[in-house]
Every structure is written in C-alpha cells, then in structure tokens.
Amino acid sequence: MKNKALHLPEYERITALSFDEMHVSSQICINKVQEEIMGTHTIVQVIMALGLLLKWKQPVYFNFDNPMTEPILKEVVNLESSEYQVYSVTSDLGPSNRNLTKSLGICETKPSIINPKYSFFFADGPHLLKLIRNHFLDKGFILETGEKIDTSTVQCLLHYSLSDLKLTYKVTQTHLNVTKSQRQKVKKAVQLFSRSVSKVVTFCGERNIIEGTGKTTATFIELENDWFDIFNSNFPYNANKGKSAYVLLRNLFTDFAVKYPIKYLLTTKLNQDILETLFPFVSVGITHDHPTPLEFITYRIRSYILGKHPSEMFTLSENSSVDNANTFTLDELRAMPCITEYLLVIISDLNFLIWVNQLAHYHHLCFVNFHGDYFRHEGNVIQSVTDIVLNMCSEFLREVIYYFVKTRTYIR
C-alpha cells in the first residue's frame, strides 16, 4: 500500500475501513514453513480497507479469537503513516462491537473519533435492517404516542392476497416466518420494508380494507425503505430523490467535499458488502464447513491479496525459493558417508530399539518441558525442541534429532 500511495493523488487515498468476524475450523494444524502449531481457534477478525473514491481494496489486519478493541482499531485507523486517510469505519451491531463504540464514546451527538482527522463510525446498513425486521416480527415497536407497529397489518394484507388479486406480490407468509439461518438473508427484509408494501398499506387504509395502525405502519415501512436506499446506493443519482447517494451523510461528505473534486458519495462503500464477498472466497473449495487457520492464511487470504497481479510475488510457478535442505536424491544420500556411517555405528554398537527408545524418552521430556500442557504458539518450534534435545543427547547428530523431532511433532 505504501508503494501504491506514491502513484495515487491525495483524494484517491481517502479510505474506509470495515471489520467483521468469520468462523474458522477448530482443527489443530501445523505451518510446516514456519514450524508453527496453529489452533485451536474458532473465529478470525478481519479488517478490510477500501477506497471511498477509487475502486481498490486491501485486507490490512486479521487475528484469531481476538475481538476488536480500541487499541487495535486506532492502530489500524492510523494509516496516516502510509499516506492514507481513514474517513469512515463500519461494523455490525454485535455485542463486542457495541462495547467498542461505547469505549470510544461514539453516540448520536459524537459519531466520530479524531485520529488525527475525523473518522466517522457507521453501523452496517444491511445488518441493521435485519435487526429492525427481527424486532418488528418478534415484538413490534411502540411509538411515543402509544401506537404499536407490528405484523398485524401485513398479515391482513396477506389474507386479502389469497384471492386472484395479489396486493403484496413481493411479500408472502415466508417473509413473516423467517427463522434461524433464514434471518441472515437481507433480501427478505428488503422486500418486507419496500416502497411497494408501503403504498399498498396506504391504499388499503384509505379504503378501510384494513383497520388499526395502517397509516402509521405505512409511514414506518416507507421510512425504512428510504433509509436503506440512502445507505445502500450504487448510483450517483436516482429518480427516487431519497436514494441519491449524497442526500444525507452530510457530516462525512462536507468534511472533504470542499477539499477534493467530488460530487457524490457511493454509500455501498460504507457497509460490509466488501467483507461479505471476501468470506465466501475464503471458504470456497473446502470439504468442511469452515477453513482451518492454516488454510485461511496460507491459501486463501494470500491469493485474495495478490488478486490480478500474482506475478509481483510468484515467479516461474513458485512462490518462494526452492529449499532442498529437506529433500535428497538416492545419489545424494550415498554421497553422505558421515550420516550413513554414523547410523551404522549406532545400530551395530547398540540395540536399535534401545537407541530409539532412549531418543524418544529424551524427546518426550523436552517436548513436555517446552510446550507444557498444550502446544506453544510460536514459530520454529521444531528447531527449538531439537536444540533442547541436542543439549541432553550430544552424542546424536543434529540432523537425526531434527527429523525425529519433526516426525514426532506431526504425530502428536
């Protein structure tokens, strides 16, 4: 990103951040390159940076089993050192994220932090719409006037739609009976809180086809529709004036509109759609429900970062220099008299099983002393255990101990 910033004008480096969690497999795995044991983990926290005015994106942070905290976020937001200016931060309304906004003092009267410029905080629009829909279905809303808005009006419309005349052609009973995983889908919430539903409620209320709070319900549904259109706009202008991308969000827009040559703001960049496209990419092609931490780091996130430009890192079908230290041909083995003669001496002078058991005993003591009750989460664990065993068994060659420790570690 630092190299890219050298070729971008200042206004194209205006940045939005979005962060969210995804589940990973709790399986223990080994990074053979780094000799690092990974697991068990359940979630991975990911922060994605994307351009507000230019089409670019880049994962900038991930960590396992670590909720987002104020120090982590402020460190990532401070991309000033990389010549990027973060103007917005988006997250869903999960419990840990709500605690984060409280710790930052984010509220209706203070929607931003200064770091060192204003960084405005936004709730993910699609996630917030689903939460509103869920509360509408489960409990309803009681207004200050005492009126209650719930599903009774929509149920009445569905009852009249059982005939050949369909009043709500987008909405069916399934929109009111969503449960479990179905509640994670945004489409049904958008269809329920749509302008067409609002219009048909108003139409039926004016003709006394439905009774009760029909007018209030219609106003509420139309309000939700217009709000979501504003926070989910892909177009600079729209026939629906409420859907124009720059109508609201004036605090954010005016903060840099005077300084930079822009006329509108696409608000889809202020939600978590960019992460919703990343997570399926990370999970595609695996045979289990969730990727392991090793799959996420080694195979998925690396490919996503490289994107259309793998040649910048990959060369001649290889992504690293070839390491032949662990691979030998038959001729090369025959050219190693030191190891061959050493093994022959060991086997001839000692009982082979006693030799293996002795090394296994030392390895077990060193393994428990190094890892404790679980695996130590750091790099070069095989090299470290090899050094400890070698100090206890100086009569053995390091190469022999290394491959013994490596095999036993993989087995454990």
Protein backbone atom coordinates (compact mmCIF):
# COMPACT_ATOMS: atom_id res chain seq x y z
CA MET A 1 0.00 0.00 0.00
CA LYS A 2 2.89 2.36 0.68
CA ASN A 3 4.27 1.76 -2.80
CA LYS A 4 0.86 2.25 -4.36
CA ALA A 5 0.38 5.51 -2.49
CA LEU A 6 3.33 7.01 -4.33
CA HIS A 7 1.31 6.90 -7.57
CA LEU A 8 -2.10 7.99 -6.26
CA PRO A 9 -3.28 11.57 -5.79
CA GLU A 10 -4.39 12.52 -2.31
CA TYR A 11 -8.14 12.30 -2.91
CA GLU A 12 -7.80 8.72 -4.23
CA ARG A 13 -6.20 7.67 -0.94
CA ILE A 14 -9.34 8.51 1.05
CA THR A 15 -10.06 5.25 2.86
CA ALA A 16 -12.96 3.43 4.51
CA LEU A 17 -12.45 0.56 6.96
CA SER A 18 -14.82 -2.34 7.54
CA PHE A 19 -14.30 -5.13 10.06
CA ASP A 20 -16.15 -8.34 10.91
CA GLU A 21 -15.63 -11.88 12.18
CA MET A 22 -15.92 -15.23 10.42
CA HIS A 23 -15.85 -18.75 11.83
CA VAL A 24 -12.84 -21.00 11.27
CA SER A 25 -12.35 -24.67 11.98
CA SER A 26 -11.16 -25.60 15.49
CA GLN A 27 -8.84 -28.20 13.97
CA ILE A 28 -5.18 -28.07 15.04
CA CYS A 29 -2.79 -27.67 12.09
CA ILE A 30 0.92 -27.14 11.52
CA ASN A 31 2.53 -24.49 9.37
CA LYS A 32 5.45 -26.52 8.03
CA VAL A 33 7.28 -23.50 6.66
CA GLN A 34 7.26 -21.53 9.91
CA GLU A 35 7.22 -24.68 12.10
CA GLU A 36 4.29 -23.16 13.95
CA ILE A 37 1.39 -25.04 15.53
CA MET A 38 -1.92 -23.27 14.89
CA GLY A 39 -5.14 -23.89 16.78
CA THR A 40 -7.50 -24.34 18.26
CA HIS A 41 -9.32 -21.22 17.04
CA THR A 42 -13.00 -20.50 16.44
CA ILE A 43 -13.15 -17.07 14.79
CA VAL A 44 -10.92 -14.74 12.81
CA GLN A 45 -11.27 -10.97 12.96
CA VAL A 46 -10.64 -9.24 9.61
CA ILE A 47 -10.27 -5.54 8.76
CA MET A 48 -10.63 -4.51 5.14
CA ALA A 49 -9.55 -1.14 3.74
CA LEU A 50 -11.15 0.18 0.56
CA GLY A 51 -11.13 3.40 -1.39
CA LEU A 52 -14.07 5.73 -0.95
CA LEU A 53 -13.46 7.47 -4.26
CA LEU A 54 -11.27 4.99 -6.15
CA LYS A 55 -12.04 1.31 -6.69
CA TRP A 56 -9.43 -0.53 -4.62
CA LYS A 57 -9.49 -2.83 -1.60
CA GLN A 58 -6.94 -4.46 0.68
CA PRO A 59 -7.11 -6.64 3.82
CA VAL A 60 -4.97 -4.83 6.40
CA TYR A 61 -5.44 -6.89 9.58
CA PHE A 62 -6.53 -10.30 10.81
CA ASN A 63 -6.19 -12.16 14.08
CA PHE A 64 -7.73 -15.25 15.63
CA ASP A 65 -10.04 -15.31 18.66
CA ASN A 66 -9.47 -11.62 19.28
CA PRO A 67 -12.42 -9.20 19.43
CA MET A 68 -11.91 -5.73 18.07
CA THR A 69 -10.55 -3.39 20.74
CA GLU A 70 -9.84 0.31 20.89
CA PRO A 71 -6.01 -0.01 20.68
CA ILE A 72 -6.19 -2.36 17.66
CA LEU A 73 -8.67 -0.17 15.80
CA LYS A 74 -6.78 3.06 16.47
CA GLU A 75 -3.54 1.46 15.29
CA VAL A 76 -5.18 0.36 12.03
CA VAL A 77 -7.07 3.62 11.58
CA ASN A 78 -3.78 5.48 11.86
CA LEU A 79 -2.88 4.84 8.24
CA GLU A 80 -1.54 8.38 8.07
CA SER A 81 1.94 6.84 8.22
CA SER A 82 1.06 5.05 4.96
CA GLU A 83 -0.28 8.27 3.43
CA TYR A 84 -3.88 7.01 3.63
CA GLN A 85 -6.61 9.00 5.36
CA VAL A 86 -9.35 6.95 7.05
CA TYR A 87 -12.66 8.84 6.97
CA SER A 88 -15.09 6.07 7.94
CA VAL A 89 -15.23 2.85 9.97
CA THR A 90 -18.07 0.33 9.55
CA SER A 91 -19.04 -2.65 11.71
CA ASP A 92 -22.13 -4.65 12.54
CA LEU A 93 -24.01 -4.32 15.82
CA GLY A 94 -22.67 -7.42 17.57
CA PRO A 95 -22.18 -7.26 21.37
CA SER A 96 -18.38 -6.82 21.19
CA ASN A 97 -18.72 -4.04 18.60
CA ARG A 98 -21.29 -2.21 20.69
CA ASN A 99 -18.88 -2.35 23.63
CA LEU A 100 -16.19 -0.94 21.36
CA THR A 101 -18.29 2.04 20.31
CA LYS A 102 -19.14 2.70 23.96
CA SER A 103 -15.46 2.68 24.90
CA LEU A 104 -14.77 5.14 22.08
CA GLY A 105 -17.64 7.37 23.20
CA ILE A 106 -19.47 7.00 19.88
CA CYS A 107 -23.08 8.22 20.12
CA GLU A 108 -25.65 10.26 18.21
CA THR A 109 -24.01 13.55 19.18
CA LYS A 110 -20.44 12.23 18.69
CA PRO A 111 -20.39 9.96 15.62
CA SER A 112 -16.63 10.13 15.05
CA ILE A 113 -13.18 9.97 16.59
CA ILE A 114 -10.22 12.22 15.79
CA ASN A 115 -7.17 10.28 14.66
CA PRO A 116 -5.88 12.87 13.76
CA LYS A 117 -8.70 13.71 11.32
CA TYR A 118 -12.34 12.80 11.78
CA SER A 119 -13.14 9.10 11.30
CA PHE A 120 -16.92 8.60 11.24
CA PHE A 121 -18.47 5.38 12.54
CA PHE A 122 -21.31 3.67 10.71
CA ALA A 123 -23.42 0.64 11.55
CA ASP A 124 -23.64 -1.85 8.69
CA GLY A 125 -26.88 -0.95 6.89
CA PRO A 126 -27.95 -4.47 5.83
CA HIS A 127 -27.24 -5.89 9.31
CA LEU A 128 -29.17 -3.08 10.98
CA LEU A 129 -32.11 -3.62 8.61
CA LYS A 130 -32.22 -7.32 9.57
CA LEU A 131 -32.23 -6.41 13.27
CA ILE A 132 -35.12 -3.96 12.72
CA ARG A 133 -37.02 -6.64 10.78
CA ASN A 134 -36.44 -9.23 13.53
CA HIS A 135 -37.75 -6.87 16.23
CA PHE A 136 -40.70 -5.97 14.02
CA LEU A 137 -41.61 -9.66 13.70
CA ASP A 138 -40.93 -10.70 17.29
CA LYS A 139 -42.21 -7.81 19.41
CA GLY A 140 -43.12 -4.84 17.25
CA PHE A 141 -42.48 -1.18 18.06
CA ILE A 142 -44.37 1.05 20.50
CA LEU A 143 -44.23 4.71 19.49
CA GLU A 144 -44.21 7.72 21.81
CA THR A 145 -47.90 8.22 21.01
CA GLY A 146 -48.66 4.74 22.37
CA GLU A 147 -49.38 3.23 18.96
CA LYS A 148 -47.92 -0.22 18.29
CA ILE A 149 -46.49 -1.20 14.94
CA ASP A 150 -46.34 -4.94 14.33
CA THR A 151 -47.09 -7.58 11.71
CA SER A 152 -50.87 -7.45 12.07
CA THR A 153 -51.25 -5.00 9.16
CA VAL A 154 -49.06 -7.13 6.87
CA GLN A 155 -50.93 -10.27 7.95
CA CYS A 156 -54.17 -8.60 6.93
CA LEU A 157 -52.74 -7.80 3.51
CA LEU A 158 -51.63 -11.40 3.05
CA HIS A 159 -55.14 -12.57 3.93
CA TYR A 160 -56.67 -10.47 1.13
CA SER A 161 -53.92 -11.64 -1.24
CA LEU A 162 -55.13 -15.23 -1.11
CA SER A 163 -57.52 -14.46 -3.98
CA ASP A 164 -56.57 -13.89 -7.59
CA LEU A 165 -55.80 -10.25 -6.79
CA LYS A 166 -52.32 -10.06 -5.27
CA LEU A 167 -51.87 -6.94 -3.17
CA THR A 168 -48.36 -7.83 -1.99
CA TYR A 169 -46.73 -9.60 -4.92
CA LYS A 170 -43.27 -9.36 -3.31
CA VAL A 171 -44.24 -10.48 0.20
CA THR A 172 -45.55 -13.89 1.27
CA GLN A 173 -46.05 -15.64 4.58
CA THR A 174 -42.45 -16.86 4.47
CA HIS A 175 -41.30 -13.26 4.97
CA LEU A 176 -43.03 -13.27 8.36
CA ASN A 177 -41.95 -16.78 9.37
CA VAL A 178 -38.19 -16.46 8.89
CA THR A 179 -36.21 -18.44 11.46
CA LYS A 180 -32.59 -19.38 12.18
CA SER A 181 -30.35 -19.09 9.12
CA GLN A 182 -33.14 -17.52 7.05
CA ARG A 183 -32.85 -14.43 9.24
CA GLN A 184 -29.32 -13.90 7.96
CA LYS A 185 -30.58 -13.13 4.45
CA VAL A 186 -31.10 -9.46 3.66
CA LYS A 187 -33.36 -9.94 0.64
CA LYS A 188 -36.50 -10.86 2.58
CA ALA A 189 -36.03 -7.90 4.93
CA VAL A 190 -35.64 -5.53 1.96
CA GLN A 191 -38.77 -6.93 0.30
CA LEU A 192 -40.78 -6.60 3.51
CA PHE A 193 -39.72 -2.97 4.06
CA SER A 194 -40.20 -1.89 0.45
CA ARG A 195 -41.96 1.10 -1.07
CA SER A 196 -44.48 -1.17 -2.82
CA VAL A 197 -45.60 -2.62 0.54
CA SER A 198 -45.87 0.89 1.99
CA LYS A 199 -48.02 2.03 -0.94
CA VAL A 200 -50.38 -0.92 -0.75
CA VAL A 201 -50.84 -0.41 3.01
CA THR A 202 -51.69 3.24 2.37
CA PHE A 203 -54.08 2.25 -0.45
CA CYS A 204 -55.93 -0.29 1.71
CA GLY A 205 -56.03 2.03 4.72
CA GLU A 206 -57.63 4.85 2.76
CA ARG A 207 -60.37 2.46 1.58
CA ASN A 208 -60.90 0.91 5.02
CA ILE A 209 -59.83 -2.50 3.73
CA ILE A 210 -57.57 -2.82 6.77
CA GLU A 211 -58.12 -1.36 10.20
CA GLY A 212 -55.86 -0.27 13.02
CA THR A 213 -52.48 1.42 12.58
CA GLY A 214 -52.33 1.08 8.80
CA LYS A 215 -51.26 4.67 8.14
CA THR A 216 -48.56 4.57 10.82
CA THR A 217 -47.29 1.22 9.58
CA ALA A 218 -47.11 2.54 6.01
CA THR A 219 -45.10 5.56 7.17
CA PHE A 220 -42.76 3.31 9.14
CA ILE A 221 -42.15 0.94 6.20
CA GLU A 222 -41.56 3.84 3.82
CA LEU A 223 -39.10 5.38 6.28
CA GLU A 224 -37.15 2.12 6.49
CA ASN A 225 -37.16 1.81 2.71
CA ASP A 226 -35.82 5.34 2.15
CA TRP A 227 -33.21 4.99 4.89
CA PHE A 228 -31.88 1.74 3.44
CA ASP A 229 -31.83 3.21 -0.07
CA ILE A 230 -29.66 6.05 1.17
CA PHE A 231 -27.19 3.72 2.90
CA ASN A 232 -27.09 1.21 0.05
CA SER A 233 -26.70 3.40 -3.00
CA ASN A 234 -24.67 2.30 -6.03
CA PHE A 235 -25.65 5.26 -8.20
CA PRO A 236 -24.72 8.95 -8.11
CA TYR A 237 -28.29 9.96 -9.00
CA ASN A 238 -31.64 8.25 -8.93
CA ALA A 239 -35.25 9.03 -9.84
CA ASN A 240 -36.09 8.49 -6.19
CA LYS A 241 -34.63 11.62 -4.60
CA GLY A 242 -34.25 9.81 -1.30
CA LYS A 243 -31.94 7.34 -2.98
CA SER A 244 -29.39 9.86 -4.26
CA ALA A 245 -26.05 8.92 -2.81
CA TYR A 246 -25.17 12.37 -1.47
CA VAL A 247 -28.51 13.48 0.02
CA LEU A 248 -27.57 12.63 3.61
CA LEU A 249 -24.31 11.76 5.38
CA ARG A 250 -23.56 15.44 5.21
CA ASN A 251 -21.04 15.38 8.03
CA LEU A 252 -18.87 12.91 6.17
CA PHE A 253 -19.46 14.39 2.75
CA THR A 254 -18.83 18.02 3.63
CA ASP A 255 -15.70 17.09 5.58
CA PHE A 256 -13.77 16.51 2.35
CA ALA A 257 -16.08 17.70 -0.47
CA VAL A 258 -14.62 21.19 -0.32
CA LYS A 259 -11.04 19.94 -0.42
CA TYR A 260 -11.39 17.24 -3.07
CA PRO A 261 -13.04 17.27 -6.56
CA ILE A 262 -16.04 15.03 -5.77
CA LYS A 263 -19.78 15.47 -6.36
CA TYR A 264 -21.28 12.39 -4.70
CA LEU A 265 -20.59 9.51 -2.33
CA LEU A 266 -21.50 5.88 -3.04
CA THR A 267 -22.79 4.65 0.29
CA THR A 268 -22.38 0.95 -0.51
CA LYS A 269 -18.76 1.54 0.48
CA LEU A 270 -20.00 2.36 3.98
CA ASN A 271 -21.37 -1.14 4.64
CA GLN A 272 -19.81 -4.60 4.96
CA ASP A 273 -20.51 -5.88 1.46
CA ILE A 274 -16.78 -5.96 0.78
CA LEU A 275 -16.33 -8.48 3.62
CA GLU A 276 -19.37 -10.46 2.56
CA THR A 277 -17.57 -11.11 -0.73
CA LEU A 278 -14.29 -11.97 1.00
CA PHE A 279 -15.67 -14.62 3.36
CA PRO A 280 -17.22 -16.84 0.64
CA PHE A 281 -13.94 -16.58 -1.31
CA VAL A 282 -12.05 -17.82 1.75
CA SER A 283 -14.43 -20.78 2.20
CA VAL A 284 -14.80 -21.87 -1.43
CA GLY A 285 -13.39 -25.26 -2.42
CA ILE A 286 -13.02 -26.72 1.08
CA THR A 287 -14.62 -30.02 2.02
CA HIS A 288 -15.51 -28.97 5.58
CA ASP A 289 -17.75 -26.23 6.94
CA HIS A 290 -15.06 -23.67 7.73
CA PRO A 291 -11.43 -23.19 6.67
CA THR A 292 -8.66 -24.06 9.10
CA PRO A 293 -6.44 -21.20 10.30
CA LEU A 294 -3.66 -22.52 8.07
CA GLU A 295 -5.94 -22.58 5.01
CA PHE A 296 -7.12 -19.06 5.78
CA ILE A 297 -3.58 -17.65 5.98
CA THR A 298 -1.60 -19.73 3.52
CA TYR A 299 -4.01 -20.47 0.69
CA ARG A 300 -6.93 -18.03 0.88
CA ILE A 301 -6.01 -14.60 2.16
CA ARG A 302 -2.71 -14.64 0.24
CA SER A 303 -4.48 -15.36 -3.04
CA TYR A 304 -7.07 -12.67 -2.32
CA ILE A 305 -4.40 -10.06 -1.62
CA LEU A 306 -2.50 -10.87 -4.82
CA GLY A 307 -5.68 -10.73 -6.89
CA LYS A 308 -4.98 -9.95 -10.53
CA HIS A 309 -1.26 -9.36 -10.01
CA PRO A 310 0.31 -12.64 -8.82
CA SER A 311 3.43 -12.05 -10.92
CA GLU A 312 4.58 -9.49 -8.37
CA MET A 313 5.20 -12.34 -5.94
CA PHE A 314 5.03 -15.59 -7.92
CA THR A 315 7.90 -16.45 -10.30
CA LEU A 316 8.23 -19.47 -12.56
CA SER A 317 5.33 -21.32 -10.91
CA GLU A 318 6.99 -20.98 -7.50
CA ASN A 319 6.05 -18.60 -4.71
CA SER A 320 9.34 -18.94 -2.84
CA SER A 321 12.88 -20.06 -3.37
CA VAL A 322 13.28 -23.82 -3.53
CA ASP A 323 14.51 -25.33 -0.30
CA ASN A 324 16.35 -28.56 -0.97
CA ALA A 325 17.58 -28.93 2.57
CA ASN A 326 14.91 -31.49 3.41
CA THR A 327 14.90 -33.37 0.08
CA PHE A 328 17.65 -35.71 -1.13
CA THR A 329 18.05 -38.00 -4.11
CA LEU A 330 19.46 -41.52 -3.76
CA ASP A 331 22.82 -40.41 -5.21
CA GLU A 332 22.98 -37.53 -2.74
CA LEU A 333 22.33 -39.86 0.17
CA ARG A 334 25.12 -42.16 -0.99
CA ALA A 335 27.41 -39.14 -1.04
CA MET A 336 26.82 -38.53 2.68
CA PRO A 337 29.13 -41.00 4.39
CA CYS A 338 29.04 -39.12 7.65
CA ILE A 339 25.36 -39.80 8.35
CA THR A 340 25.39 -43.29 6.83
CA GLU A 341 28.45 -44.41 8.77
CA TYR A 342 27.11 -42.79 11.91
CA LEU A 343 23.85 -44.72 11.72
CA LEU A 344 25.70 -47.98 11.01
CA VAL A 345 27.89 -47.43 14.08
CA ILE A 346 24.88 -46.65 16.25
CA ILE A 347 22.94 -49.69 15.06
CA SER A 348 25.92 -52.04 15.35
CA ASP A 349 27.08 -50.85 18.76
CA LEU A 350 23.67 -50.57 20.40
CA ASN A 351 20.42 -52.35 20.18
CA PHE A 352 18.40 -50.32 17.68
CA LEU A 353 15.19 -50.38 19.75
CA ILE A 354 17.07 -49.22 22.84
CA TRP A 355 18.52 -46.34 20.81
CA VAL A 356 15.10 -45.29 19.54
CA ASN A 357 13.51 -45.60 22.98
CA GLN A 358 16.28 -43.53 24.53
CA LEU A 359 15.82 -40.75 21.98
CA ALA A 360 12.04 -40.97 22.36
CA HIS A 361 12.38 -40.63 26.14
CA TYR A 362 14.53 -37.52 25.84
CA HIS A 363 12.19 -36.09 23.23
CA HIS A 364 9.16 -36.65 25.45
CA LEU A 365 10.78 -34.85 28.39
CA CYS A 366 11.89 -31.95 26.22
CA PHE A 367 8.53 -31.75 24.40
CA VAL A 368 6.57 -31.51 27.67
CA ASN A 369 9.06 -29.04 29.12
CA PHE A 370 8.82 -26.83 26.02
CA HIS A 371 5.10 -26.98 25.21
CA GLY A 372 3.58 -27.66 28.62
CA ASP A 373 0.00 -28.99 28.67
CA TYR A 374 -0.67 -27.71 25.15
CA PHE A 375 1.20 -26.54 22.06
CA ARG A 376 3.25 -23.38 22.26
CA HIS A 377 2.02 -20.88 19.65
CA GLU A 378 5.20 -19.50 18.13
CA GLY A 379 7.42 -20.13 15.13
CA ASN A 380 10.32 -22.61 14.77
CA VAL A 381 9.04 -24.97 17.46
CA ILE A 382 10.75 -27.97 15.84
CA GLN A 383 14.11 -26.19 15.77
CA SER A 384 13.68 -25.12 19.40
CA VAL A 385 12.85 -28.63 20.64
CA THR A 386 15.74 -30.01 18.57
CA ASP A 387 18.16 -27.66 20.35
CA ILE A 388 16.88 -28.76 23.76
CA VAL A 389 17.15 -32.48 22.91
CA LEU A 390 20.62 -31.96 21.45
CA ASN A 391 21.81 -30.45 24.74
CA MET A 392 20.69 -33.61 26.52
CA CYS A 393 21.88 -36.05 23.82
CA SER A 394 25.08 -34.58 22.44
CA GLU A 395 26.17 -37.98 21.11
CA PHE A 396 23.49 -37.83 18.39
CA LEU A 397 23.81 -35.87 15.16
CA ARG A 398 21.62 -32.79 14.87
CA GLU A 399 20.12 -33.96 11.55
CA VAL A 400 18.98 -37.22 13.13
CA ILE A 401 17.40 -35.47 16.11
CA TYR A 402 15.76 -32.84 13.88
CA TYR A 403 13.89 -35.36 11.71
CA PHE A 404 12.97 -37.44 14.73
CA VAL A 405 11.51 -34.37 16.50
CA LYS A 406 9.75 -33.28 13.30
CA THR A 407 8.07 -36.67 12.84
CA ARG A 408 7.06 -36.95 16.49
CA THR A 409 5.65 -33.39 16.47
CA TYR A 410 3.46 -34.10 13.46
CA ILE A 411 2.20 -37.30 15.11
CA ARG A 412 1.37 -35.51 18.34
